[in-house]
Amino acid sequence: PPRSTLFPYTTLFRSRYVIEAGQSSALFVDHQRAASIYVAEGAGRVIIADDAEATRATPPSIVVAAGDLLMVPAGLHYGFVNEAAKPLKLSEQRISFDVAFL
């Protein structure tokens, strides 16, 4: 994985997601790293939930659109829902807690 030039001893994990119209992703959780999520294109919802909330039929979510940037603390579940007619494109970087929340 690439290394950050700002914090050379911290490994960043990067992912890109495309959620097609009417689709949703699985829920992700990382207990060691926070997630920075950038909405590159489209609009939809991001589910952000603790362990108990993640098991609900309708877990809590927030509406997002292109240009939005979110930080999800380590240990929370998160996933993506696209209720629009166009793809929802997101990028994610997972970074250690001590770097994410200086």
N, C-alpha and C. Protein backbone atom coordinates (compact mmCIF):
# COMPACT_ATOMS: atom_id res chain seq x y z
N PRO A 1 0.83 -1.21 0.00
CA PRO A 1 0.00 0.00 0.00
C PRO A 1 0.86 1.25 0.00
N PRO A 2 0.38 2.33 -0.59
CA PRO A 2 1.15 3.58 -0.60
C PRO A 2 1.33 4.14 0.80
N ARG A 3 2.37 4.91 0.97
CA ARG A 3 2.63 5.54 2.26
C ARG A 3 2.37 7.04 2.15
N SER A 4 1.92 7.61 3.24
CA SER A 4 1.67 9.04 3.31
C SER A 4 3.01 9.78 3.36
N THR A 5 3.11 10.88 2.63
CA THR A 5 4.32 11.69 2.71
C THR A 5 4.27 12.62 3.92
N LEU A 6 3.08 12.94 4.38
CA LEU A 6 2.93 13.80 5.55
C LEU A 6 3.31 13.04 6.83
N PHE A 7 2.90 11.80 6.91
CA PHE A 7 3.21 10.93 8.03
C PHE A 7 3.86 9.66 7.47
N PRO A 8 5.17 9.67 7.21
CA PRO A 8 5.80 8.58 6.48
C PRO A 8 5.73 7.22 7.16
N TYR A 9 5.44 7.14 8.44
CA TYR A 9 5.37 5.85 9.12
C TYR A 9 3.94 5.34 9.26
N THR A 10 3.01 5.99 8.59
CA THR A 10 1.61 5.60 8.66
C THR A 10 1.16 5.07 7.31
N THR A 11 0.67 3.85 7.28
CA THR A 11 0.17 3.27 6.04
C THR A 11 -1.28 3.69 5.83
N LEU A 12 -1.58 4.17 4.64
CA LEU A 12 -2.95 4.52 4.27
C LEU A 12 -3.52 3.39 3.42
N PHE A 13 -4.74 3.00 3.67
CA PHE A 13 -5.42 2.01 2.87
C PHE A 13 -6.48 2.73 2.05
N ARG A 14 -6.41 2.59 0.74
CA ARG A 14 -7.31 3.32 -0.15
C ARG A 14 -8.22 2.35 -0.90
N SER A 15 -9.47 2.77 -1.09
CA SER A 15 -10.44 1.99 -1.84
C SER A 15 -11.32 2.95 -2.62
N ARG A 16 -11.83 2.44 -3.74
CA ARG A 16 -12.82 3.20 -4.52
C ARG A 16 -14.04 2.30 -4.69
N TYR A 17 -15.21 2.91 -4.62
CA TYR A 17 -16.45 2.16 -4.74
C TYR A 17 -17.34 2.83 -5.79
N VAL A 18 -18.03 2.01 -6.55
CA VAL A 18 -19.09 2.47 -7.44
C VAL A 18 -20.33 1.68 -7.06
N ILE A 19 -21.34 2.39 -6.59
CA ILE A 19 -22.60 1.77 -6.21
C ILE A 19 -23.60 2.13 -7.30
N GLU A 20 -24.03 1.12 -8.02
CA GLU A 20 -24.96 1.36 -9.13
C GLU A 20 -26.33 1.80 -8.62
N ALA A 21 -27.13 2.38 -9.52
CA ALA A 21 -28.47 2.87 -9.18
C ALA A 21 -29.29 1.77 -8.52
N GLY A 22 -29.91 2.12 -7.40
CA GLY A 22 -30.78 1.19 -6.70
C GLY A 22 -30.06 0.12 -5.89
N GLN A 23 -28.75 0.19 -5.78
CA GLN A 23 -27.97 -0.83 -5.08
C GLN A 23 -27.41 -0.28 -3.77
N SER A 24 -26.89 -1.18 -2.95
CA SER A 24 -26.23 -0.79 -1.71
C SER A 24 -25.02 -1.69 -1.50
N SER A 25 -24.12 -1.25 -0.66
CA SER A 25 -22.92 -2.03 -0.34
C SER A 25 -23.16 -2.82 0.94
N ALA A 26 -22.23 -3.68 1.23
CA ALA A 26 -22.21 -4.34 2.54
C ALA A 26 -21.79 -3.30 3.57
N LEU A 27 -21.97 -3.61 4.84
CA LEU A 27 -21.47 -2.73 5.90
C LEU A 27 -20.01 -3.08 6.18
N PHE A 28 -19.18 -2.08 6.34
CA PHE A 28 -17.77 -2.24 6.65
C PHE A 28 -17.54 -1.79 8.10
N VAL A 29 -16.52 -2.33 8.73
CA VAL A 29 -16.10 -1.86 10.04
C VAL A 29 -14.60 -2.13 10.17
N ASP A 30 -13.89 -1.17 10.69
CA ASP A 30 -12.45 -1.32 10.95
C ASP A 30 -12.22 -0.83 12.37
N HIS A 31 -11.81 -1.73 13.24
CA HIS A 31 -11.63 -1.37 14.65
C HIS A 31 -10.31 -0.67 14.92
N GLN A 32 -9.41 -0.65 13.94
CA GLN A 32 -8.09 -0.07 14.13
C GLN A 32 -7.91 1.29 13.47
N ARG A 33 -8.67 1.55 12.39
CA ARG A 33 -8.46 2.78 11.62
C ARG A 33 -9.78 3.52 11.38
N ALA A 34 -9.69 4.84 11.32
CA ALA A 34 -10.82 5.68 10.93
C ALA A 34 -10.92 5.66 9.41
N ALA A 35 -12.07 6.03 8.88
CA ALA A 35 -12.26 6.07 7.44
C ALA A 35 -12.62 7.49 7.01
N SER A 36 -11.90 7.99 6.04
CA SER A 36 -12.22 9.26 5.40
C SER A 36 -12.91 8.90 4.08
N ILE A 37 -14.14 9.37 3.89
CA ILE A 37 -14.93 9.02 2.71
C ILE A 37 -15.24 10.29 1.92
N TYR A 38 -14.90 10.26 0.64
CA TYR A 38 -15.17 11.39 -0.25
C TYR A 38 -16.16 10.94 -1.32
N VAL A 39 -17.23 11.71 -1.50
CA VAL A 39 -18.23 11.41 -2.52
C VAL A 39 -17.79 12.12 -3.81
N ALA A 40 -17.32 11.34 -4.77
CA ALA A 40 -16.79 11.90 -6.01
C ALA A 40 -17.89 12.27 -7.00
N GLU A 41 -18.91 11.41 -7.12
CA GLU A 41 -20.02 11.65 -8.05
C GLU A 41 -21.29 11.05 -7.50
N GLY A 42 -22.41 11.67 -7.88
CA GLY A 42 -23.71 11.12 -7.52
C GLY A 42 -24.20 11.58 -6.16
N ALA A 43 -25.24 10.90 -5.70
CA ALA A 43 -25.85 11.22 -4.41
C ALA A 43 -26.43 9.94 -3.85
N GLY A 44 -26.58 9.92 -2.54
CA GLY A 44 -27.13 8.73 -1.89
C GLY A 44 -27.11 8.90 -0.39
N ARG A 45 -26.96 7.78 0.32
CA ARG A 45 -26.90 7.81 1.77
C ARG A 45 -25.69 7.01 2.24
N VAL A 46 -25.13 7.44 3.35
CA VAL A 46 -24.08 6.68 4.02
C VAL A 46 -24.65 6.24 5.36
N ILE A 47 -24.63 4.94 5.57
CA ILE A 47 -25.05 4.38 6.85
C ILE A 47 -23.87 4.46 7.79
N ILE A 48 -24.07 5.00 8.98
CA ILE A 48 -23.04 5.06 10.01
C ILE A 48 -23.69 4.60 11.31
N ALA A 49 -23.21 3.45 11.84
CA ALA A 49 -23.91 2.84 12.97
C ALA A 49 -22.94 2.13 13.91
N ASP A 50 -23.31 2.08 15.19
CA ASP A 50 -22.54 1.26 16.13
C ASP A 50 -23.02 -0.19 16.00
N ASP A 51 -22.50 -1.09 16.82
CA ASP A 51 -22.84 -2.51 16.71
C ASP A 51 -24.34 -2.76 16.82
N ALA A 52 -25.00 -2.15 17.79
CA ALA A 52 -26.43 -2.37 18.00
C ALA A 52 -27.26 -1.77 16.86
N GLU A 53 -26.92 -0.57 16.42
CA GLU A 53 -27.68 0.09 15.36
C GLU A 53 -27.53 -0.62 14.02
N ALA A 54 -26.37 -1.25 13.79
CA ALA A 54 -26.10 -1.91 12.51
C ALA A 54 -27.02 -3.09 12.26
N THR A 55 -27.63 -3.65 13.30
CA THR A 55 -28.51 -4.81 13.14
C THR A 55 -29.97 -4.42 12.91
N ARG A 56 -30.29 -3.15 13.00
CA ARG A 56 -31.66 -2.69 12.78
C ARG A 56 -32.06 -2.85 11.31
N ALA A 57 -33.36 -2.96 11.07
CA ALA A 57 -33.87 -3.05 9.70
C ALA A 57 -33.54 -1.77 8.93
N THR A 58 -33.59 -0.63 9.62
CA THR A 58 -33.23 0.64 8.99
C THR A 58 -32.20 1.35 9.87
N PRO A 59 -30.93 1.05 9.68
CA PRO A 59 -29.90 1.71 10.50
C PRO A 59 -29.81 3.20 10.16
N PRO A 60 -29.26 4.01 11.07
CA PRO A 60 -29.16 5.45 10.83
C PRO A 60 -28.28 5.75 9.62
N SER A 61 -28.66 6.78 8.89
CA SER A 61 -27.89 7.17 7.70
C SER A 61 -27.96 8.68 7.51
N ILE A 62 -27.05 9.18 6.69
CA ILE A 62 -27.07 10.60 6.34
C ILE A 62 -27.05 10.73 4.82
N VAL A 63 -27.68 11.75 4.32
CA VAL A 63 -27.72 12.01 2.89
C VAL A 63 -26.41 12.67 2.49
N VAL A 64 -25.84 12.20 1.36
CA VAL A 64 -24.59 12.75 0.85
C VAL A 64 -24.73 13.03 -0.64
N ALA A 65 -23.88 13.93 -1.13
CA ALA A 65 -23.86 14.27 -2.55
C ALA A 65 -22.41 14.57 -2.95
N ALA A 66 -22.19 14.65 -4.24
CA ALA A 66 -20.85 14.90 -4.77
C ALA A 66 -20.20 16.08 -4.06
N GLY A 67 -18.94 15.88 -3.66
CA GLY A 67 -18.18 16.91 -2.98
C GLY A 67 -18.16 16.77 -1.47
N ASP A 68 -19.04 15.93 -0.92
CA ASP A 68 -19.07 15.74 0.53
C ASP A 68 -17.88 14.91 1.00
N LEU A 69 -17.39 15.23 2.18
CA LEU A 69 -16.29 14.51 2.80
C LEU A 69 -16.72 14.14 4.22
N LEU A 70 -16.58 12.86 4.58
CA LEU A 70 -16.99 12.40 5.90
C LEU A 70 -15.83 11.70 6.59
N MET A 71 -15.80 11.77 7.90
CA MET A 71 -14.83 11.03 8.69
C MET A 71 -15.61 10.09 9.60
N VAL A 72 -15.32 8.80 9.49
CA VAL A 72 -15.99 7.78 10.30
C VAL A 72 -14.97 7.26 11.31
N PRO A 73 -15.22 7.42 12.60
CA PRO A 73 -14.27 6.94 13.60
C PRO A 73 -14.11 5.42 13.55
N ALA A 74 -12.96 4.96 14.00
CA ALA A 74 -12.71 3.52 14.08
C ALA A 74 -13.78 2.84 14.93
N GLY A 75 -14.18 1.65 14.52
CA GLY A 75 -15.13 0.88 15.30
C GLY A 75 -16.58 1.04 14.90
N LEU A 76 -16.90 2.02 14.07
CA LEU A 76 -18.28 2.19 13.61
C LEU A 76 -18.48 1.47 12.28
N HIS A 77 -19.67 0.93 12.08
CA HIS A 77 -20.04 0.29 10.82
C HIS A 77 -20.44 1.39 9.83
N TYR A 78 -20.13 1.17 8.57
CA TYR A 78 -20.58 2.13 7.55
C TYR A 78 -20.79 1.41 6.23
N GLY A 79 -21.71 1.93 5.44
CA GLY A 79 -22.03 1.36 4.14
C GLY A 79 -22.68 2.42 3.29
N PHE A 80 -22.93 2.09 2.03
CA PHE A 80 -23.41 3.07 1.07
C PHE A 80 -24.70 2.59 0.41
N VAL A 81 -25.63 3.53 0.19
CA VAL A 81 -26.90 3.23 -0.45
C VAL A 81 -27.09 4.24 -1.57
N ASN A 82 -27.40 3.74 -2.77
CA ASN A 82 -27.67 4.62 -3.90
C ASN A 82 -29.14 4.48 -4.29
N GLU A 83 -29.91 5.51 -4.03
CA GLU A 83 -31.32 5.52 -4.41
C GLU A 83 -31.57 6.38 -5.64
N ALA A 84 -30.49 6.85 -6.28
CA ALA A 84 -30.60 7.72 -7.45
C ALA A 84 -30.55 6.89 -8.74
N ALA A 85 -30.69 7.58 -9.86
CA ALA A 85 -30.67 6.91 -11.16
C ALA A 85 -29.26 6.78 -11.74
N LYS A 86 -28.29 7.48 -11.17
CA LYS A 86 -26.91 7.43 -11.66
C LYS A 86 -26.02 6.77 -10.62
N PRO A 87 -24.85 6.26 -11.03
CA PRO A 87 -23.94 5.62 -10.07
C PRO A 87 -23.45 6.59 -8.98
N LEU A 88 -23.23 6.04 -7.81
CA LEU A 88 -22.65 6.77 -6.68
C LEU A 88 -21.19 6.34 -6.61
N LYS A 89 -20.27 7.29 -6.77
CA LYS A 89 -18.85 6.98 -6.78
C LYS A 89 -18.19 7.60 -5.56
N LEU A 90 -17.48 6.75 -4.81
CA LEU A 90 -16.86 7.18 -3.56
C LEU A 90 -15.42 6.70 -3.50
N SER A 91 -14.61 7.44 -2.76
CA SER A 91 -13.27 6.97 -2.45
C SER A 91 -13.12 6.97 -0.93
N GLU A 92 -12.33 6.04 -0.45
CA GLU A 92 -12.16 5.86 0.98
C GLU A 92 -10.67 5.73 1.30
N GLN A 93 -10.28 6.33 2.38
CA GLN A 93 -8.93 6.13 2.91
C GLN A 93 -9.08 5.78 4.37
N ARG A 94 -8.43 4.71 4.79
CA ARG A 94 -8.44 4.32 6.20
C ARG A 94 -7.10 4.70 6.80
N ILE A 95 -7.16 5.42 7.89
CA ILE A 95 -5.94 5.89 8.52
C ILE A 95 -6.01 5.64 10.02
N SER A 96 -4.87 5.47 10.63
CA SER A 96 -4.87 5.15 12.06
C SER A 96 -5.47 6.28 12.88
N PHE A 97 -6.05 5.91 14.00
CA PHE A 97 -6.78 6.86 14.84
C PHE A 97 -5.90 8.03 15.28
N ASP A 98 -4.65 7.75 15.64
CA ASP A 98 -3.79 8.83 16.14
C ASP A 98 -3.46 9.86 15.07
N VAL A 99 -3.52 9.48 13.81
CA VAL A 99 -3.28 10.42 12.72
C VAL A 99 -4.58 11.12 12.33
N ALA A 100 -5.69 10.37 12.32
CA ALA A 100 -6.97 10.93 11.90
C ALA A 100 -7.49 12.01 12.85
N PHE A 101 -7.24 11.84 14.13
CA PHE A 101 -7.80 12.76 15.11
C PHE A 101 -6.68 13.37 15.95
N LEU A 102 -5.82 14.14 15.29
CA LEU A 102 -4.70 14.81 15.97
C LEU A 102 -5.19 15.87 16.91
